[in-house]
């Protein structure tokens, strides 16, 4: 009996799988069989922030398979040399992804090298499907500044955990704003929070609450630079992050303080997680 072409492809894939193992089936073979592999956007985003800041070639846990699919797609578009198809989303892969975003006509934050939903979906057309999608949402006013809806949700939950409302000194999307920020607030996800009237214990509690819900957060003091006491926080996995904010998230995962000197983290010890991971806990 002659099978329909789609059924024949599935049978062929089933017979071939035991010989190669699941990891040996290419994206093209999987597509032919009607089953696309998955790219975990959460994990891929995390790798794109952490890997460029690493002093070695350690891979971000849970991200290798997804990053390899992305890198192979970039390679096949002649945007990334085969040498860099290694599951490590380092600066070369970030630059290649940014080039792909620009080829789509994206500019500004939409071409920052972080795999956003639209660009990742277009890259994966016919090759892979995108799961665990993350999106910043639209821009809104909140707490004295402008943030996106994802950041607002995170701040609302941090307020609940802390038992008081946090007041923003500076919000996101503030290009050309406070020069001491060095571009950190040019994109989304970054906020500076007032600690006026807070005791030392409350300041620490505020940083802890922000970290718990998915921010890379630190208490900043006048001893560090020409700025007042405040809390600086960056939303992990915000696809609108500026390059400087991306670096700060990577440093946070590596146990550093997010400053140019890359000193040790001086904040409260909290299990590092994204907003999405916090919501699933």
Protein backbone atom coordinates (compact mmCIF):
# COMPACT_ATOMS: atom_id res chain seq x y z
CA UNK A 1 0.00 0.00 0.00
CA UNK A 2 1.32 3.41 -0.90
CA UNK A 3 1.24 5.77 2.08
CA UNK A 4 0.41 9.49 1.73
CA UNK A 5 3.58 11.55 1.48
CA UNK A 6 3.14 13.04 4.98
CA UNK A 7 2.63 9.62 6.55
CA UNK A 8 5.59 8.20 4.63
CA UNK A 9 7.78 10.99 5.96
CA UNK A 10 6.73 10.23 9.53
CA UNK A 11 7.44 6.52 9.09
CA UNK A 12 10.84 7.29 7.60
CA UNK A 13 11.66 9.56 10.50
CA UNK A 14 10.61 6.89 13.00
CA UNK A 15 12.81 4.28 11.32
CA UNK A 16 15.73 6.67 11.11
CA UNK A 17 15.56 7.91 14.71
CA UNK A 18 16.87 4.71 16.38
CA UNK A 19 19.96 4.85 14.16
CA UNK A 20 20.86 8.45 14.88
CA UNK A 21 19.28 9.23 18.24
CA UNK A 22 16.97 12.16 18.78
CA UNK A 23 19.85 14.62 18.92
CA UNK A 24 21.12 13.41 15.55
CA UNK A 25 18.03 14.46 13.62
CA UNK A 26 18.63 17.79 11.91
CA UNK A 27 16.12 20.61 11.90
CA UNK A 28 15.56 20.03 8.19
CA UNK A 29 14.85 16.32 8.74
CA UNK A 30 12.49 17.13 11.57
CA UNK A 31 10.70 19.69 9.42
CA UNK A 32 10.33 17.15 6.62
CA UNK A 33 8.69 14.82 9.13
CA UNK A 34 6.28 17.56 10.15
CA UNK A 35 7.77 17.89 13.64
CA UNK A 36 9.78 21.02 14.37
CA UNK A 37 12.24 21.21 17.27
CA UNK A 38 11.67 23.88 19.90
CA UNK A 39 13.69 26.94 20.86
CA UNK A 40 13.08 27.93 24.47
CA UNK A 41 13.04 31.72 24.24
CA UNK A 42 13.50 32.20 27.99
CA UNK A 43 16.64 30.08 28.06
CA UNK A 44 18.01 31.59 24.85
CA UNK A 45 17.51 35.13 26.16
CA UNK A 46 19.26 34.26 29.38
CA UNK A 47 22.26 32.89 27.47
CA UNK A 48 22.40 36.01 25.28
CA UNK A 49 22.82 38.15 28.40
CA UNK A 50 25.17 35.92 30.40
CA UNK A 51 27.47 34.29 27.84
CA UNK A 52 29.06 37.51 26.48
CA UNK A 53 30.15 38.39 30.03
CA UNK A 54 31.74 35.05 30.89
CA UNK A 55 35.53 34.78 31.23
CA UNK A 56 35.37 31.26 29.76
CA UNK A 57 33.24 29.16 27.41
CA UNK A 58 30.93 27.66 30.04
CA UNK A 59 27.44 27.17 28.59
CA UNK A 60 24.34 28.59 30.23
CA UNK A 61 22.47 25.67 31.83
CA UNK A 62 19.40 24.57 29.89
CA UNK A 63 20.15 26.76 26.87
CA UNK A 64 22.54 24.74 24.68
CA UNK A 65 19.99 22.93 22.48
CA UNK A 66 18.03 26.12 21.78
CA UNK A 67 21.13 28.23 21.15
CA UNK A 68 22.47 25.64 18.71
CA UNK A 69 19.24 25.81 16.69
CA UNK A 70 19.49 29.61 16.56
CA UNK A 71 23.17 29.55 15.60
CA UNK A 72 22.62 26.98 12.85
CA UNK A 73 19.87 29.14 11.38
CA UNK A 74 22.17 32.17 11.47
CA UNK A 75 24.95 30.13 9.87
CA UNK A 76 22.69 28.97 7.07
CA UNK A 77 21.86 32.62 6.37
CA UNK A 78 25.60 33.33 6.16
CA UNK A 79 25.45 35.58 9.19
CA UNK A 80 27.55 33.41 11.50
CA UNK A 81 30.64 31.36 10.76
CA UNK A 82 30.45 27.65 11.54
CA UNK A 83 33.23 28.13 14.10
CA UNK A 84 30.75 29.88 16.38
CA UNK A 85 28.00 27.26 16.20
CA UNK A 86 28.73 25.88 19.65
CA UNK A 87 25.72 26.50 21.91
CA UNK A 88 27.43 29.54 23.45
CA UNK A 89 25.52 32.79 22.80
CA UNK A 90 28.59 35.00 23.03
CA UNK A 91 29.20 38.46 21.61
CA UNK A 92 29.75 37.10 18.08
CA UNK A 93 26.34 35.41 18.10
CA UNK A 94 24.73 38.53 19.58
CA UNK A 95 26.23 40.60 16.75
CA UNK A 96 25.04 38.07 14.15
CA UNK A 97 21.52 38.10 15.58
CA UNK A 98 21.49 41.92 15.57
CA UNK A 99 22.53 41.83 11.91
CA UNK A 100 19.63 39.47 11.19
CA UNK A 101 17.24 41.81 13.00
CA UNK A 102 18.46 44.73 10.90
CA UNK A 103 17.98 42.64 7.74
CA UNK A 104 14.31 42.44 8.70
CA UNK A 105 14.14 46.21 8.84
CA UNK A 106 14.22 46.40 12.64
CA UNK A 107 16.04 49.31 14.23
CA UNK A 108 16.89 50.61 17.70
CA UNK A 109 15.91 48.33 20.58
CA UNK A 110 14.33 45.85 18.16
CA UNK A 111 17.82 45.25 16.75
CA UNK A 112 19.75 44.98 20.03
CA UNK A 113 20.94 41.41 19.44
CA UNK A 114 18.58 39.89 21.99
CA UNK A 115 16.23 37.34 20.38
CA UNK A 116 12.80 38.93 20.54
CA UNK A 117 9.62 37.07 19.66
CA UNK A 118 9.21 38.55 16.17
CA UNK A 119 12.81 38.11 15.03
CA UNK A 120 13.19 34.68 16.61
CA UNK A 121 9.97 33.47 14.98
CA UNK A 122 11.08 34.75 11.58
CA UNK A 123 14.49 33.11 11.95
CA UNK A 124 12.86 29.81 12.84
CA UNK A 125 10.31 29.73 10.02
CA UNK A 126 10.26 26.14 8.77
CA UNK A 127 13.12 25.22 11.13
CA UNK A 128 11.96 25.49 14.72
CA UNK A 129 9.06 26.65 16.83
CA UNK A 130 9.43 29.17 19.66
CA UNK A 131 8.26 28.24 23.17
CA UNK A 132 8.35 30.05 26.53
CA UNK A 133 7.79 33.36 24.78
CA UNK A 134 8.74 36.53 26.65
CA UNK A 135 7.48 40.01 25.75
CA UNK A 136 7.98 43.42 27.40
CA UNK A 137 4.54 44.77 26.54
CA UNK A 138 3.71 48.40 25.89
CA UNK A 139 5.03 51.47 27.67
CA UNK A 140 3.10 52.82 30.65
CA UNK A 141 3.53 55.42 33.41
CA UNK A 142 4.17 53.94 36.83
CA UNK A 143 5.64 55.05 40.16
CA UNK A 144 6.89 58.33 38.79
CA UNK A 145 8.47 57.02 35.60
CA UNK A 146 7.89 55.23 32.30
CA UNK A 147 8.28 51.44 32.16
CA UNK A 148 6.84 48.60 30.10
CA UNK A 149 3.97 46.43 31.30
CA UNK A 150 6.21 43.48 32.20
CA UNK A 151 8.39 45.72 34.39
CA UNK A 152 5.27 47.25 35.95
CA UNK A 153 3.98 43.80 36.90
CA UNK A 154 7.32 42.99 38.49
CA UNK A 155 7.33 46.23 40.49
CA UNK A 156 3.76 45.69 41.67
CA UNK A 157 4.72 42.28 43.02
CA UNK A 158 7.89 43.65 44.64
CA UNK A 159 5.71 46.29 46.35
CA UNK A 160 3.46 43.53 47.65
CA UNK A 161 6.36 41.52 49.02
CA UNK A 162 7.90 44.60 50.64
CA UNK A 163 4.63 45.97 52.01
CA UNK A 164 5.19 49.48 50.66
CA UNK A 165 5.17 51.29 47.33
CA UNK A 166 8.51 51.97 45.70
CA UNK A 167 9.04 55.39 44.10
CA UNK A 168 11.04 55.70 40.88
CA UNK A 169 13.80 58.25 40.49
CA UNK A 170 14.27 57.19 36.89
CA UNK A 171 12.33 54.85 34.66
CA UNK A 172 13.08 53.13 31.37
CA UNK A 173 13.37 54.36 27.76
CA UNK A 174 15.18 57.46 29.02
CA UNK A 175 17.69 57.91 26.22
CA UNK A 176 19.98 60.84 26.88
CA UNK A 177 18.72 61.17 30.46
CA UNK A 178 20.89 60.97 33.58
CA UNK A 179 24.51 60.85 32.31
CA UNK A 180 25.61 58.83 35.36
CA UNK A 181 23.48 55.94 34.06
CA UNK A 182 25.87 55.40 31.12
CA UNK A 183 23.03 54.35 28.80
CA UNK A 184 21.56 51.72 31.11
CA UNK A 185 18.12 53.37 30.96
CA UNK A 186 18.14 53.90 27.18
CA UNK A 187 16.02 50.76 26.80
CA UNK A 188 13.38 48.93 28.79
CA UNK A 189 13.56 47.04 32.07
CA UNK A 190 15.83 49.47 33.96
CA UNK A 191 14.69 51.58 36.92
CA UNK A 192 16.27 53.61 39.71
CA UNK A 193 14.33 53.60 42.97
CA UNK A 194 14.33 56.15 45.78
CA UNK A 195 15.42 55.00 49.24
CA UNK A 196 14.50 58.29 50.91
CA UNK A 197 13.25 57.68 54.43
CA UNK A 198 14.24 54.00 54.38
CA UNK A 199 16.30 52.45 57.16
CA UNK A 200 19.30 50.31 56.25
CA UNK A 201 17.23 47.19 56.90
CA UNK A 202 14.41 48.40 54.66
CA UNK A 203 16.83 49.22 51.86
CA UNK A 204 18.15 45.66 51.98
CA UNK A 205 14.61 44.28 52.13
CA UNK A 206 13.68 46.31 49.04
CA UNK A 207 16.65 44.96 47.07
CA UNK A 208 15.74 41.44 48.19
CA UNK A 209 12.13 41.85 47.07
CA UNK A 210 13.23 43.14 43.67
CA UNK A 211 15.64 40.26 43.23
CA UNK A 212 13.02 37.72 44.18
CA UNK A 213 10.68 38.81 41.37
CA UNK A 214 13.34 38.78 38.65
CA UNK A 215 15.39 41.96 38.80
CA UNK A 216 19.16 42.22 38.88
CA UNK A 217 19.14 44.80 41.70
CA UNK A 218 21.73 46.57 43.82
CA UNK A 219 21.82 49.35 46.41
CA UNK A 220 23.97 52.19 45.08
CA UNK A 221 25.82 54.65 47.32
CA UNK A 222 27.56 58.04 46.81
CA UNK A 223 30.86 56.29 47.55
CA UNK A 224 30.58 54.41 44.24
CA UNK A 225 29.97 57.39 41.93
CA UNK A 226 28.47 60.86 41.72
CA UNK A 227 24.92 59.83 42.58
CA UNK A 228 22.68 59.76 45.66
CA UNK A 229 21.72 56.65 47.58
CA UNK A 230 19.30 54.66 45.42
CA UNK A 231 18.47 51.17 44.21
CA UNK A 232 19.29 50.28 40.63
CA UNK A 233 17.31 47.40 39.12
CA UNK A 234 17.25 45.74 35.70
CA UNK A 235 14.54 43.28 34.66
CA UNK A 236 16.20 40.02 33.62
CA UNK A 237 15.14 38.79 30.15
CA UNK A 238 13.51 42.05 29.11
CA UNK A 239 13.95 41.99 25.32
CA UNK A 240 14.14 45.82 25.22
CA UNK A 241 17.31 46.04 27.33
CA UNK A 242 20.04 48.42 26.24
CA UNK A 243 23.50 46.95 25.71
CA UNK A 244 24.70 48.28 29.06
CA UNK A 245 21.71 46.78 30.86
CA UNK A 246 22.31 43.45 29.14
CA UNK A 247 25.84 43.48 30.53
CA UNK A 248 24.58 44.21 34.03
CA UNK A 249 22.23 41.23 33.94
CA UNK A 250 25.06 39.00 32.78
CA UNK A 251 27.30 40.25 35.58
CA UNK A 252 24.54 39.67 38.14
CA UNK A 253 24.38 36.00 37.16
CA UNK A 254 28.16 35.82 37.50
CA UNK A 255 28.11 37.20 41.05
CA UNK A 256 29.22 40.75 40.23
CA UNK A 257 27.90 44.20 41.18
CA UNK A 258 26.95 45.53 37.74
CA UNK A 259 29.41 48.43 37.87
CA UNK A 260 32.21 49.09 35.37
CA UNK A 261 34.83 47.82 37.82
CA UNK A 262 33.00 44.46 37.96
CA UNK A 263 33.44 44.01 41.69
CA UNK A 264 31.76 41.27 43.72
CA UNK A 265 28.01 41.38 44.27
CA UNK A 266 27.28 43.33 47.47
CA UNK A 267 23.55 42.60 47.68
CA UNK A 268 21.48 40.08 49.63
CA UNK A 269 21.76 36.48 48.50
CA UNK A 270 18.63 35.46 46.64
CA UNK A 271 18.01 32.58 44.23
CA UNK A 272 18.36 34.17 40.78
CA UNK A 273 15.27 33.80 38.64
CA UNK A 274 13.39 35.58 35.90
CA UNK A 275 9.88 37.02 36.31
CA UNK A 276 8.47 34.05 34.44
CA UNK A 277 10.33 31.60 36.67
CA UNK A 278 9.08 33.44 39.73
CA UNK A 279 5.48 33.17 38.55
CA UNK A 280 5.87 29.42 37.99
CA UNK A 281 7.49 28.72 41.34
